């Protein structure tokens, strides 16, 4: 098994994307993976391959495709803590361009791409998101509740804001199951914001589990960064596969 690169046509161009599928004939359930801010790179390829080994076809689009094909940044010093700020200075304008409307429109194209494949099983897909990808994945399942059956979100930031279109305000449309793993050292998702998210989910009657990974920093799953936390990452795999395997019980 290896990761390949495929092109997904959208209303605004072509999104270069990683694709991994398990061995065998299929068709198999699909997982749409929303990348973190550092984008498509070897670490993301490793992660989608691990999911594919479990029996799922995985698509990970370059969410920044409007700016060009990945890689868009020099990440050779990503693991050095003092370089993080410089890298984010390049990335933040691209994050800002991913408005809710853009995310929703692009998600429709990604879902259509998966639905058109003969090796993808009929029916809803699941989605997984990391950091900003967790936030975008939440918007996706809110917009397409009939096409996305589950979400696993890891160290997502700004899920709860004061904005009228804050991601957490749309959970009432969700019919699937949600899992949130929060880092307890994350300024972009504070304890107060986590509590607000959980209150909103409870009030909406959404099936969910929300957990705080004690001692973990924002970005804890990314082995190519200074914030990598191996025990927390192993916990995240267990939680993810528990959700996926129950969603697609075969």
C-alpha atoms as a PDB file:
ATOM      1  CA  UNK A   1       0.000   0.000   0.000  1.00  0.00           C
ATOM      2  CA  UNK A   2       1.173   3.500  -0.764  1.00  0.00           C
ATOM      3  CA  UNK A   3      -0.237   6.974  -0.960  1.00  0.00           C
ATOM      4  CA  UNK A   4      -0.960   8.360  -4.404  1.00  0.00           C
ATOM      5  CA  UNK A   5      -1.818  11.895  -5.474  1.00  0.00           C
ATOM      6  CA  UNK A   6      -5.108  12.510  -7.262  1.00  0.00           C
ATOM      7  CA  UNK A   7      -6.749  15.672  -8.562  1.00  0.00           C
ATOM      8  CA  UNK A   8     -10.237  16.590  -7.386  1.00  0.00           C
ATOM      9  CA  UNK A   9     -12.090  19.143  -9.487  1.00  0.00           C
ATOM     10  CA  UNK A  10     -13.935  21.844  -7.577  1.00  0.00           C
ATOM     11  CA  UNK A  11     -15.865  24.948  -8.561  1.00  0.00           C
ATOM     12  CA  UNK A  12     -12.689  26.965  -8.048  1.00  0.00           C
ATOM     13  CA  UNK A  13     -10.055  24.745  -9.643  1.00  0.00           C
ATOM     14  CA  UNK A  14      -8.304  21.477  -8.871  1.00  0.00           C
ATOM     15  CA  UNK A  15      -7.438  20.236  -5.393  1.00  0.00           C
ATOM     16  CA  UNK A  16      -4.389  17.998  -5.378  1.00  0.00           C
ATOM     17  CA  UNK A  17      -5.103  15.311  -2.793  1.00  0.00           C
ATOM     18  CA  UNK A  18      -3.573  12.294  -1.115  1.00  0.00           C
ATOM     19  CA  UNK A  19      -5.417   9.024  -1.625  1.00  0.00           C
ATOM     20  CA  UNK A  20      -4.779   5.729   0.153  1.00  0.00           C
ATOM     21  CA  UNK A  21      -6.809   2.560  -0.143  1.00  0.00           C
ATOM     22  CA  UNK A  22      -6.516  -0.872   1.450  1.00  0.00           C
ATOM     23  CA  UNK A  23      -5.420  -3.936  -0.429  1.00  0.00           C
ATOM     24  CA  UNK A  24      -8.190  -6.022  -1.956  1.00  0.00           C
ATOM     25  CA  UNK A  25     -11.030  -5.466  -4.355  1.00  0.00           C
ATOM     26  CA  UNK A  26     -13.480  -3.439  -2.294  1.00  0.00           C
ATOM     27  CA  UNK A  27     -15.686  -1.514  -2.338  1.00  0.00           C
ATOM     28  CA  UNK A  28     -14.828  -0.151   1.112  1.00  0.00           C
ATOM     29  CA  UNK A  29     -16.082   2.708   3.307  1.00  0.00           C
ATOM     30  CA  UNK A  30     -14.474   6.092   2.734  1.00  0.00           C
ATOM     31  CA  UNK A  31     -12.892   8.591   5.105  1.00  0.00           C
ATOM     32  CA  UNK A  32     -12.472  12.246   4.182  1.00  0.00           C
ATOM     33  CA  UNK A  33      -9.512  13.649   6.102  1.00  0.00           C
ATOM     34  CA  UNK A  34      -9.135  17.380   6.671  1.00  0.00           C
ATOM     35  CA  UNK A  35      -5.465  18.343   7.023  1.00  0.00           C
ATOM     36  CA  UNK A  36      -3.871  20.531   9.664  1.00  0.00           C
ATOM     37  CA  UNK A  37      -2.454  23.929   8.742  1.00  0.00           C
ATOM     38  CA  UNK A  38       0.945  22.560   7.709  1.00  0.00           C
ATOM     39  CA  UNK A  39      -0.671  20.733   4.825  1.00  0.00           C
ATOM     40  CA  UNK A  40       0.005  17.609   2.809  1.00  0.00           C
ATOM     41  CA  UNK A  41       3.415  16.166   3.653  1.00  0.00           C
ATOM     42  CA  UNK A  42       4.995  12.823   4.627  1.00  0.00           C
ATOM     43  CA  UNK A  43       3.417  12.826   8.104  1.00  0.00           C
ATOM     44  CA  UNK A  44      -0.076  13.141   6.607  1.00  0.00           C
ATOM     45  CA  UNK A  45       0.724  10.344   4.158  1.00  0.00           C
ATOM     46  CA  UNK A  46       1.754   8.104   7.064  1.00  0.00           C
ATOM     47  CA  UNK A  47      -1.481   8.842   8.875  1.00  0.00           C
ATOM     48  CA  UNK A  48      -3.828   8.152   5.985  1.00  0.00           C
ATOM     49  CA  UNK A  49      -1.978   4.931   5.231  1.00  0.00           C
ATOM     50  CA  UNK A  50      -2.562   3.769   8.796  1.00  0.00           C
ATOM     51  CA  UNK A  51      -6.275   4.450   8.398  1.00  0.00           C
ATOM     52  CA  UNK A  52      -6.320   2.666   5.039  1.00  0.00           C
ATOM     53  CA  UNK A  53      -4.664  -0.384   6.580  1.00  0.00           C
ATOM     54  CA  UNK A  54      -7.741  -0.639   8.786  1.00  0.00           C
ATOM     55  CA  UNK A  55      -9.885  -1.162   5.684  1.00  0.00           C
ATOM     56  CA  UNK A  56     -10.881   2.346   4.615  1.00  0.00           C
ATOM     57  CA  UNK A  57     -10.247   4.392   1.500  1.00  0.00           C
ATOM     58  CA  UNK A  58      -8.921   7.789   2.619  1.00  0.00           C
ATOM     59  CA  UNK A  59      -8.927  11.095   0.740  1.00  0.00           C
ATOM     60  CA  UNK A  60      -6.943  14.039   2.132  1.00  0.00           C
ATOM     61  CA  UNK A  61      -7.348  17.165  -0.025  1.00  0.00           C
ATOM     62  CA  UNK A  62      -4.956  20.087  -0.120  1.00  0.00           C
ATOM     63  CA  UNK A  63      -7.325  22.638   1.392  1.00  0.00           C
ATOM     64  CA  UNK A  64      -5.017  25.434   0.222  1.00  0.00           C
ATOM     65  CA  UNK A  65      -5.136  24.363  -3.431  1.00  0.00           C
ATOM     66  CA  UNK A  66      -6.092  27.858  -4.569  1.00  0.00           C
ATOM     67  CA  UNK A  67      -2.570  28.953  -3.628  1.00  0.00           C
ATOM     68  CA  UNK A  68      -0.917  26.087  -5.532  1.00  0.00           C
ATOM     69  CA  UNK A  69      -0.075  22.431  -5.223  1.00  0.00           C
ATOM     70  CA  UNK A  70       1.454  21.057  -2.053  1.00  0.00           C
ATOM     71  CA  UNK A  71       3.963  21.557  -0.570  1.00  0.00           C
ATOM     72  CA  UNK A  72       3.399  25.290  -0.288  1.00  0.00           C
ATOM     73  CA  UNK A  73       5.841  25.926   2.555  1.00  0.00           C
ATOM     74  CA  UNK A  74       9.344  24.963   3.571  1.00  0.00           C
ATOM     75  CA  UNK A  75       8.704  22.626   6.501  1.00  0.00           C
ATOM     76  CA  UNK A  76      12.259  21.348   6.876  1.00  0.00           C
ATOM     77  CA  UNK A  77      12.561  23.073  10.275  1.00  0.00           C
ATOM     78  CA  UNK A  78       9.022  22.413  11.460  1.00  0.00           C
ATOM     79  CA  UNK A  79      10.203  20.457  14.498  1.00  0.00           C
ATOM     80  CA  UNK A  80      12.154  23.455  15.805  1.00  0.00           C
ATOM     81  CA  UNK A  81       9.941  25.390  18.254  1.00  0.00           C
ATOM     82  CA  UNK A  82      11.421  28.784  17.365  1.00  0.00           C
ATOM     83  CA  UNK A  83      10.455  28.331  13.699  1.00  0.00           C
ATOM     84  CA  UNK A  84       6.748  27.761  14.299  1.00  0.00           C
ATOM     85  CA  UNK A  85       5.891  31.470  14.323  1.00  0.00           C
ATOM     86  CA  UNK A  86       7.644  32.141  11.025  1.00  0.00           C
ATOM     87  CA  UNK A  87       5.839  29.266   9.335  1.00  0.00           C
ATOM     88  CA  UNK A  88       2.459  30.342  10.659  1.00  0.00           C
ATOM     89  CA  UNK A  89       3.047  33.860   9.372  1.00  0.00           C
ATOM     90  CA  UNK A  90       3.000  32.357   5.880  1.00  0.00           C
ATOM     91  CA  UNK A  91       0.036  30.101   6.550  1.00  0.00           C
ATOM     92  CA  UNK A  92      -2.408  32.418   8.317  1.00  0.00           C
ATOM     93  CA  UNK A  93      -3.537  34.307   5.173  1.00  0.00           C
ATOM     94  CA  UNK A  94      -4.468  30.985   3.564  1.00  0.00           C
ATOM     95  CA  UNK A  95      -6.391  29.886   6.648  1.00  0.00           C
ATOM     96  CA  UNK A  96      -8.296  33.141   6.510  1.00  0.00           C
ATOM     97  CA  UNK A  97      -9.424  32.374   2.971  1.00  0.00           C
ATOM     98  CA  UNK A  98     -11.150  29.184   4.106  1.00  0.00           C
ATOM     99  CA  UNK A  99     -14.464  30.814   4.913  1.00  0.00           C
ATOM    100  CA  UNK A 100     -17.412  28.630   5.925  1.00  0.00           C
ATOM    101  CA  UNK A 101     -18.868  29.028   2.448  1.00  0.00           C
ATOM    102  CA  UNK A 102     -15.615  27.934   0.801  1.00  0.00           C
ATOM    103  CA  UNK A 103     -15.253  24.920   3.083  1.00  0.00           C
ATOM    104  CA  UNK A 104     -18.821  23.801   2.433  1.00  0.00           C
ATOM    105  CA  UNK A 105     -18.538  24.260  -1.324  1.00  0.00           C
ATOM    106  CA  UNK A 106     -15.258  22.365  -1.506  1.00  0.00           C
ATOM    107  CA  UNK A 107     -16.576  19.573   0.699  1.00  0.00           C
ATOM    108  CA  UNK A 108     -19.348  18.933  -1.803  1.00  0.00           C
ATOM    109  CA  UNK A 109     -16.727  18.363  -4.502  1.00  0.00           C
ATOM    110  CA  UNK A 110     -14.730  15.994  -2.281  1.00  0.00           C
ATOM    111  CA  UNK A 111     -17.852  13.997  -1.458  1.00  0.00           C
ATOM    112  CA  UNK A 112     -18.824  13.807  -5.137  1.00  0.00           C
ATOM    113  CA  UNK A 113     -15.332  12.547  -5.993  1.00  0.00           C
ATOM    114  CA  UNK A 114     -15.627   9.741  -3.448  1.00  0.00           C
ATOM    115  CA  UNK A 115     -19.183   8.830  -4.453  1.00  0.00           C
ATOM    116  CA  UNK A 116     -18.117   8.437  -8.082  1.00  0.00           C
ATOM    117  CA  UNK A 117     -15.452   5.827  -7.304  1.00  0.00           C
ATOM    118  CA  UNK A 118     -16.232   2.169  -7.850  1.00  0.00           C
ATOM    119  CA  UNK A 119     -14.003   1.166  -4.919  1.00  0.00           C
ATOM    120  CA  UNK A 120     -15.987   3.256  -2.410  1.00  0.00           C
ATOM    121  CA  UNK A 121     -18.970   1.649  -0.716  1.00  0.00           C
ATOM    122  CA  UNK A 122     -22.340   3.281  -1.211  1.00  0.00           C
ATOM    123  CA  UNK A 123     -23.662   5.463   1.564  1.00  0.00           C
ATOM    124  CA  UNK A 124     -22.274   8.123   3.876  1.00  0.00           C
ATOM    125  CA  UNK A 125     -18.582   8.606   4.571  1.00  0.00           C
ATOM    126  CA  UNK A 126     -16.803   9.533   7.801  1.00  0.00           C
ATOM    127  CA  UNK A 127     -14.581  12.527   8.301  1.00  0.00           C
ATOM    128  CA  UNK A 128     -11.457  13.079  10.393  1.00  0.00           C
ATOM    129  CA  UNK A 129      -9.852  16.449  11.079  1.00  0.00           C
ATOM    130  CA  UNK A 130      -6.735  17.786  12.759  1.00  0.00           C
ATOM    131  CA  UNK A 131      -6.235  21.303  14.142  1.00  0.00           C
ATOM    132  CA  UNK A 132      -7.941  23.671  11.688  1.00  0.00           C
ATOM    133  CA  UNK A 133      -9.065  20.534   9.848  1.00  0.00           C
ATOM    134  CA  UNK A 134     -11.128  19.483  12.847  1.00  0.00           C
ATOM    135  CA  UNK A 135     -12.989  22.770  12.697  1.00  0.00           C
ATOM    136  CA  UNK A 136     -13.510  22.473   8.953  1.00  0.00           C
ATOM    137  CA  UNK A 137     -14.653  18.872   9.318  1.00  0.00           C
ATOM    138  CA  UNK A 138     -17.283  19.983  11.818  1.00  0.00           C
ATOM    139  CA  UNK A 139     -18.609  22.493   9.306  1.00  0.00           C
ATOM    140  CA  UNK A 140     -18.647  19.703   6.724  1.00  0.00           C
ATOM    141  CA  UNK A 141     -20.780  17.295   8.741  1.00  0.00           C
ATOM    142  CA  UNK A 142     -23.117  20.143   9.678  1.00  0.00           C
ATOM    143  CA  UNK A 143     -23.597  21.020   6.003  1.00  0.00           C
ATOM    144  CA  UNK A 144     -23.931  17.423   4.752  1.00  0.00           C
ATOM    145  CA  UNK A 145     -25.577  15.397   7.540  1.00  0.00           C
ATOM    146  CA  UNK A 146     -26.982  12.910   5.032  1.00  0.00           C
ATOM    147  CA  UNK A 147     -23.574  12.290   3.418  1.00  0.00           C
ATOM    148  CA  UNK A 148     -21.259  12.256   6.462  1.00  0.00           C
ATOM    149  CA  UNK A 149     -22.047   9.763   9.215  1.00  0.00           C
ATOM    150  CA  UNK A 150     -19.338  10.528  11.769  1.00  0.00           C
ATOM    151  CA  UNK A 151     -16.619  13.010  12.708  1.00  0.00           C
ATOM    152  CA  UNK A 152     -13.420  12.472  14.682  1.00  0.00           C
ATOM    153  CA  UNK A 153     -11.810  15.819  15.530  1.00  0.00           C
ATOM    154  CA  UNK A 154      -8.385  16.117  17.140  1.00  0.00           C
ATOM    155  CA  UNK A 155      -6.932  19.248  18.775  1.00  0.00           C
ATOM    156  CA  UNK A 156      -9.236  21.496  16.773  1.00  0.00           C
ATOM    157  CA  UNK A 157      -9.050  25.223  17.440  1.00  0.00           C
ATOM    158  CA  UNK A 158     -11.661  27.991  17.366  1.00  0.00           C
ATOM    159  CA  UNK A 159     -14.572  25.583  17.392  1.00  0.00           C
ATOM    160  CA  UNK A 160     -16.278  27.981  19.787  1.00  0.00           C
ATOM    161  CA  UNK A 161     -16.132  31.721  19.108  1.00  0.00           C
ATOM    162  CA  UNK A 162     -18.382  34.729  19.638  1.00  0.00           C
ATOM    163  CA  UNK A 163     -19.109  34.986  15.911  1.00  0.00           C
ATOM    164  CA  UNK A 164     -22.656  34.377  14.673  1.00  0.00           C
ATOM    165  CA  UNK A 165     -21.322  31.624  12.406  1.00  0.00           C
ATOM    166  CA  UNK A 166     -19.126  29.964  15.032  1.00  0.00           C
ATOM    167  CA  UNK A 167     -18.758  26.270  14.114  1.00  0.00           C
ATOM    168  CA  UNK A 168     -20.402  25.056  17.308  1.00  0.00           C
ATOM    169  CA  UNK A 169     -23.621  26.897  16.559  1.00  0.00           C
ATOM    170  CA  UNK A 170     -24.472  24.587  13.651  1.00  0.00           C
ATOM    171  CA  UNK A 171     -24.437  21.229  15.447  1.00  0.00           C
ATOM    172  CA  UNK A 172     -28.229  21.020  15.510  1.00  0.00           C
ATOM    173  CA  UNK A 173     -28.200  19.729  11.924  1.00  0.00           C
ATOM    174  CA  UNK A 174     -25.898  16.791  12.721  1.00  0.00           C
ATOM    175  CA  UNK A 175     -27.467  13.338  12.662  1.00  0.00           C
ATOM    176  CA  UNK A 176     -24.258  11.305  12.972  1.00  0.00           C
ATOM    177  CA  UNK A 177     -21.836  10.799  15.848  1.00  0.00           C
ATOM    178  CA  UNK A 178     -19.087  13.211  16.867  1.00  0.00           C
ATOM    179  CA  UNK A 179     -15.846  12.644  18.752  1.00  0.00           C
ATOM    180  CA  UNK A 180     -13.689  15.518  20.009  1.00  0.00           C
ATOM    181  CA  UNK A 181     -10.212  15.141  21.494  1.00  0.00           C
ATOM    182  CA  UNK A 182      -8.989  18.386  23.055  1.00  0.00           C
ATOM    183  CA  UNK A 183      -5.492  19.274  24.182  1.00  0.00           C
ATOM    184  CA  UNK A 184      -5.542  20.722  27.675  1.00  0.00           C
ATOM    185  CA  UNK A 185      -2.727  23.114  26.753  1.00  0.00           C
ATOM    186  CA  UNK A 186      -4.459  24.824  23.843  1.00  0.00           C
ATOM    187  CA  UNK A 187      -5.135  28.551  23.796  1.00  0.00           C
ATOM    188  CA  UNK A 188      -7.353  28.100  20.732  1.00  0.00           C
ATOM    189  CA  UNK A 189      -9.759  25.823  22.610  1.00  0.00           C
ATOM    190  CA  UNK A 190      -9.901  26.726  26.305  1.00  0.00           C
ATOM    191  CA  UNK A 191     -11.637  24.832  29.091  1.00  0.00           C
ATOM    192  CA  UNK A 192     -14.460  27.371  28.965  1.00  0.00           C
ATOM    193  CA  UNK A 193     -14.865  26.876  25.214  1.00  0.00           C
ATOM    194  CA  UNK A 194     -14.835  23.101  25.593  1.00  0.00           C
ATOM    195  CA  UNK A 195     -17.580  23.363  28.204  1.00  0.00           C
ATOM    196  CA  UNK A 196     -19.640  25.582  25.890  1.00  0.00           C
ATOM    197  CA  UNK A 197     -19.245  23.093  23.038  1.00  0.00           C
ATOM    198  CA  UNK A 198     -20.396  20.257  25.258  1.00  0.00           C
ATOM    199  CA  UNK A 199     -23.418  22.224  26.509  1.00  0.00           C
ATOM    200  CA  UNK A 200     -24.402  22.996  22.925  1.00  0.00           C
ATOM    201  CA  UNK A 201     -24.064  19.377  21.845  1.00  0.00           C
ATOM    202  CA  UNK A 202     -26.116  18.188  24.816  1.00  0.00           C
ATOM    203  CA  UNK A 203     -28.831  20.742  24.134  1.00  0.00           C
ATOM    204  CA  UNK A 204     -29.014  19.678  20.483  1.00  0.00           C
ATOM    205  CA  UNK A 205     -29.217  15.990  21.380  1.00  0.00           C
ATOM    206  CA  UNK A 206     -26.169  15.109  19.259  1.00  0.00           C
ATOM    207  CA  UNK A 207     -24.464  11.780  19.917  1.00  0.00           C
ATOM    208  CA  UNK A 208     -20.967  12.720  20.947  1.00  0.00           C
ATOM    209  CA  UNK A 209     -17.963  12.175  23.156  1.00  0.00           C
ATOM    210  CA  UNK A 210     -15.694  15.018  24.164  1.00  0.00           C
ATOM    211  CA  UNK A 211     -12.419  14.281  25.947  1.00  0.00           C
ATOM    212  CA  UNK A 212      -9.511  16.361  27.209  1.00  0.00           C
ATOM    213  CA  UNK A 213      -6.091  14.773  26.755  1.00  0.00           C
ATOM    214  CA  UNK A 214      -4.248  15.867  29.867  1.00  0.00           C
ATOM    215  CA  UNK A 215      -0.702  17.082  29.338  1.00  0.00           C
ATOM    216  CA  UNK A 216      -1.093  17.247  25.559  1.00  0.00           C
ATOM    217  CA  UNK A 217      -0.375  20.382  23.558  1.00  0.00           C
ATOM    218  CA  UNK A 218      -2.138  21.651  20.464  1.00  0.00           C
ATOM    219  CA  UNK A 219      -0.994  19.544  17.514  1.00  0.00           C
ATOM    220  CA  UNK A 220      -0.069  16.538  19.645  1.00  0.00           C
ATOM    221  CA  UNK A 221      -0.618  13.984  16.855  1.00  0.00           C
ATOM    222  CA  UNK A 222       1.884  15.496  14.453  1.00  0.00           C
ATOM    223  CA  UNK A 223       5.156  13.584  14.778  1.00  0.00           C
ATOM    224  CA  UNK A 224       7.051  16.105  12.642  1.00  0.00           C
ATOM    225  CA  UNK A 225       6.451  18.967  15.093  1.00  0.00           C
ATOM    226  CA  UNK A 226       7.791  19.929  18.501  1.00  0.00           C
ATOM    227  CA  UNK A 227       4.342  19.328  20.057  1.00  0.00           C
ATOM    228  CA  UNK A 228       4.196  15.619  19.265  1.00  0.00           C
ATOM    229  CA  UNK A 229       2.997  13.466  22.163  1.00  0.00           C
ATOM    230  CA  UNK A 230       3.287   9.735  21.492  1.00  0.00           C
ATOM    231  CA  UNK A 231       0.977   8.445  24.273  1.00  0.00           C
ATOM    232  CA  UNK A 232      -1.710  10.970  23.320  1.00  0.00           C
ATOM    233  CA  UNK A 233      -1.333  10.019  19.671  1.00  0.00           C
ATOM    234  CA  UNK A 234      -1.790   6.326  20.424  1.00  0.00           C
ATOM    235  CA  UNK A 235      -4.901   7.227  22.404  1.00  0.00           C
ATOM    236  CA  UNK A 236      -6.194   9.178  19.410  1.00  0.00           C
ATOM    237  CA  UNK A 237      -5.789   6.158  17.111  1.00  0.00           C
ATOM    238  CA  UNK A 238      -7.772   3.993  19.495  1.00  0.00           C
ATOM    239  CA  UNK A 239     -10.583   6.551  19.734  1.00  0.00           C
ATOM    240  CA  UNK A 240     -10.675   7.117  15.983  1.00  0.00           C
ATOM    241  CA  UNK A 241     -10.850   3.455  15.069  1.00  0.00           C
ATOM    242  CA  UNK A 242     -13.475   2.813  17.721  1.00  0.00           C
ATOM    243  CA  UNK A 243     -15.674   5.431  16.045  1.00  0.00           C
ATOM    244  CA  UNK A 244     -14.954   4.350  12.467  1.00  0.00           C
ATOM    245  CA  UNK A 245     -15.401   0.647  13.127  1.00  0.00           C
ATOM    246  CA  UNK A 246     -18.729   1.222  14.869  1.00  0.00           C
ATOM    247  CA  UNK A 247     -19.923   3.591  12.155  1.00  0.00           C
ATOM    248  CA  UNK A 248     -19.117   1.100   9.401  1.00  0.00           C
ATOM    249  CA  UNK A 249     -19.806  -2.129  11.249  1.00  0.00           C
ATOM    250  CA  UNK A 250     -19.338  -4.867   8.657  1.00  0.00           C
END
